[in-house]
């Protein structure tokens, strides 16, 4: 079976991140992603020890699959989904102009 088919039939783990990036890069280019100005306009916060995201253990970045930590910058998309800034910037600045969780633009 293809790599994509294999991933569809099992739990995705942190170890699959590079594989997913490779598969994603093989997809036809979309809109070209967001401009630097559009990226800069997204709500961004730095996590502190009192941040509610750190108290909600089930929350993690759905792009890299890693949890959140103090001092990380988090981007909130208009749909309210949150991601590590570096992950969101990478996702949105290339070929995607939509949320990787809900596909909202």
C-alpha atoms as a PDB file:
ATOM      1  CA  UNK A   1       0.000   0.000   0.000  1.00  0.00           C
ATOM      2  CA  UNK A   2       1.004   3.599  -0.493  1.00  0.00           C
ATOM      3  CA  UNK A   3       2.415   5.649   2.358  1.00  0.00           C
ATOM      4  CA  UNK A   4      -0.724   7.789   2.425  1.00  0.00           C
ATOM      5  CA  UNK A   5      -2.921   4.679   2.670  1.00  0.00           C
ATOM      6  CA  UNK A   6      -0.777   3.326   5.494  1.00  0.00           C
ATOM      7  CA  UNK A   7      -1.135   6.584   7.452  1.00  0.00           C
ATOM      8  CA  UNK A   8      -4.899   6.542   6.975  1.00  0.00           C
ATOM      9  CA  UNK A   9      -5.129   3.172   8.707  1.00  0.00           C
ATOM     10  CA  UNK A  10      -3.198   3.918  11.897  1.00  0.00           C
ATOM     11  CA  UNK A  11      -2.690   6.507  14.609  1.00  0.00           C
ATOM     12  CA  UNK A  12      -0.526   9.455  13.525  1.00  0.00           C
ATOM     13  CA  UNK A  13       2.400  10.103  15.882  1.00  0.00           C
ATOM     14  CA  UNK A  14       4.987  12.853  16.346  1.00  0.00           C
ATOM     15  CA  UNK A  15       7.412  10.680  14.383  1.00  0.00           C
ATOM     16  CA  UNK A  16       5.223  11.083  11.284  1.00  0.00           C
ATOM     17  CA  UNK A  17       5.678  14.864  11.026  1.00  0.00           C
ATOM     18  CA  UNK A  18       8.424  14.778   8.369  1.00  0.00           C
ATOM     19  CA  UNK A  19       6.532  12.150   6.389  1.00  0.00           C
ATOM     20  CA  UNK A  20       3.410  14.299   6.426  1.00  0.00           C
ATOM     21  CA  UNK A  21       5.400  17.327   5.244  1.00  0.00           C
ATOM     22  CA  UNK A  22       6.805  15.254   2.384  1.00  0.00           C
ATOM     23  CA  UNK A  23       3.342  14.057   1.375  1.00  0.00           C
ATOM     24  CA  UNK A  24       1.980  17.573   1.649  1.00  0.00           C
ATOM     25  CA  UNK A  25       4.761  18.976  -0.535  1.00  0.00           C
ATOM     26  CA  UNK A  26       3.832  16.436  -3.218  1.00  0.00           C
ATOM     27  CA  UNK A  27       0.295  17.824  -3.440  1.00  0.00           C
ATOM     28  CA  UNK A  28      -0.550  20.294  -6.208  1.00  0.00           C
ATOM     29  CA  UNK A  29       0.053  23.890  -5.211  1.00  0.00           C
ATOM     30  CA  UNK A  30      -2.977  25.713  -3.890  1.00  0.00           C
ATOM     31  CA  UNK A  31      -3.461  29.439  -3.603  1.00  0.00           C
ATOM     32  CA  UNK A  32       0.150  30.078  -2.633  1.00  0.00           C
ATOM     33  CA  UNK A  33      -0.664  30.617   1.012  1.00  0.00           C
ATOM     34  CA  UNK A  34      -0.990  33.843   2.957  1.00  0.00           C
ATOM     35  CA  UNK A  35       1.120  36.935   2.463  1.00  0.00           C
ATOM     36  CA  UNK A  36       3.524  38.172   5.151  1.00  0.00           C
ATOM     37  CA  UNK A  37       1.041  40.959   5.928  1.00  0.00           C
ATOM     38  CA  UNK A  38      -1.801  38.452   6.392  1.00  0.00           C
ATOM     39  CA  UNK A  39       0.371  36.269   8.638  1.00  0.00           C
ATOM     40  CA  UNK A  40       1.345  39.279  10.745  1.00  0.00           C
ATOM     41  CA  UNK A  41      -2.316  40.180  11.238  1.00  0.00           C
ATOM     42  CA  UNK A  42      -3.108  36.881  12.996  1.00  0.00           C
ATOM     43  CA  UNK A  43      -3.557  36.964  16.767  1.00  0.00           C
ATOM     44  CA  UNK A  44      -0.357  35.800  18.456  1.00  0.00           C
ATOM     45  CA  UNK A  45       0.333  35.250  22.162  1.00  0.00           C
ATOM     46  CA  UNK A  46       3.344  34.087  24.140  1.00  0.00           C
ATOM     47  CA  UNK A  47       2.552  31.364  26.645  1.00  0.00           C
ATOM     48  CA  UNK A  48       3.282  32.087  30.296  1.00  0.00           C
ATOM     49  CA  UNK A  49       3.075  29.794  33.305  1.00  0.00           C
ATOM     50  CA  UNK A  50      -0.509  31.033  33.834  1.00  0.00           C
ATOM     51  CA  UNK A  51      -1.693  30.386  30.274  1.00  0.00           C
ATOM     52  CA  UNK A  52      -4.865  28.322  30.068  1.00  0.00           C
ATOM     53  CA  UNK A  53      -3.474  26.300  27.143  1.00  0.00           C
ATOM     54  CA  UNK A  54      -0.879  24.801  29.472  1.00  0.00           C
ATOM     55  CA  UNK A  55      -3.554  23.644  31.915  1.00  0.00           C
ATOM     56  CA  UNK A  56      -5.479  21.786  29.202  1.00  0.00           C
ATOM     57  CA  UNK A  57      -3.325  18.720  28.637  1.00  0.00           C
ATOM     58  CA  UNK A  58      -5.405  17.477  25.707  1.00  0.00           C
ATOM     59  CA  UNK A  59      -4.523  20.572  23.685  1.00  0.00           C
ATOM     60  CA  UNK A  60      -1.577  20.390  21.334  1.00  0.00           C
ATOM     61  CA  UNK A  61      -0.494  21.783  17.992  1.00  0.00           C
ATOM     62  CA  UNK A  62      -2.372  19.833  15.313  1.00  0.00           C
ATOM     63  CA  UNK A  63       0.353  20.574  12.787  1.00  0.00           C
ATOM     64  CA  UNK A  64       3.425  19.159  14.571  1.00  0.00           C
ATOM     65  CA  UNK A  65       1.464  17.121  17.161  1.00  0.00           C
ATOM     66  CA  UNK A  66       3.589  18.464  20.047  1.00  0.00           C
ATOM     67  CA  UNK A  67       2.208  20.030  23.194  1.00  0.00           C
ATOM     68  CA  UNK A  68       2.576  23.666  24.171  1.00  0.00           C
ATOM     69  CA  UNK A  69       5.254  25.001  26.547  1.00  0.00           C
ATOM     70  CA  UNK A  70       6.040  28.208  28.429  1.00  0.00           C
ATOM     71  CA  UNK A  71       7.562  30.981  26.243  1.00  0.00           C
ATOM     72  CA  UNK A  72       6.291  29.533  22.961  1.00  0.00           C
ATOM     73  CA  UNK A  73       4.433  31.835  20.603  1.00  0.00           C
ATOM     74  CA  UNK A  74       0.964  30.594  19.673  1.00  0.00           C
ATOM     75  CA  UNK A  75      -1.123  31.798  16.733  1.00  0.00           C
ATOM     76  CA  UNK A  76      -4.910  31.804  16.868  1.00  0.00           C
ATOM     77  CA  UNK A  77      -6.648  31.585  13.499  1.00  0.00           C
ATOM     78  CA  UNK A  78     -10.020  33.310  12.859  1.00  0.00           C
ATOM     79  CA  UNK A  79     -11.735  29.935  13.472  1.00  0.00           C
ATOM     80  CA  UNK A  80     -10.216  29.941  17.002  1.00  0.00           C
ATOM     81  CA  UNK A  81      -7.886  26.970  16.423  1.00  0.00           C
ATOM     82  CA  UNK A  82      -4.416  27.508  17.888  1.00  0.00           C
ATOM     83  CA  UNK A  83      -0.982  26.373  16.694  1.00  0.00           C
ATOM     84  CA  UNK A  84       2.686  27.016  17.377  1.00  0.00           C
ATOM     85  CA  UNK A  85       3.528  30.202  15.487  1.00  0.00           C
ATOM     86  CA  UNK A  86       6.391  28.562  13.615  1.00  0.00           C
ATOM     87  CA  UNK A  87       4.118  25.681  12.553  1.00  0.00           C
ATOM     88  CA  UNK A  88       1.267  27.973  11.486  1.00  0.00           C
ATOM     89  CA  UNK A  89       3.619  30.287   9.603  1.00  0.00           C
ATOM     90  CA  UNK A  90       5.118  27.336   7.737  1.00  0.00           C
ATOM     91  CA  UNK A  91       1.680  25.872   6.953  1.00  0.00           C
ATOM     92  CA  UNK A  92       0.064  29.147   5.897  1.00  0.00           C
ATOM     93  CA  UNK A  93       2.936  30.763   4.029  1.00  0.00           C
ATOM     94  CA  UNK A  94       3.419  28.023   1.473  1.00  0.00           C
ATOM     95  CA  UNK A  95       0.446  26.514  -0.312  1.00  0.00           C
ATOM     96  CA  UNK A  96      -2.296  26.675   2.331  1.00  0.00           C
ATOM     97  CA  UNK A  97      -4.722  29.476   3.112  1.00  0.00           C
ATOM     98  CA  UNK A  98      -6.942  27.470   5.458  1.00  0.00           C
ATOM     99  CA  UNK A  99      -6.921  25.985   8.955  1.00  0.00           C
ATOM    100  CA  UNK A 100      -5.357  22.507   9.033  1.00  0.00           C
ATOM    101  CA  UNK A 101      -7.920  21.385  11.614  1.00  0.00           C
ATOM    102  CA  UNK A 102     -11.255  22.544  10.166  1.00  0.00           C
ATOM    103  CA  UNK A 103     -10.281  23.747   6.646  1.00  0.00           C
ATOM    104  CA  UNK A 104     -11.847  27.168   7.280  1.00  0.00           C
ATOM    105  CA  UNK A 105     -10.232  29.959   5.274  1.00  0.00           C
END
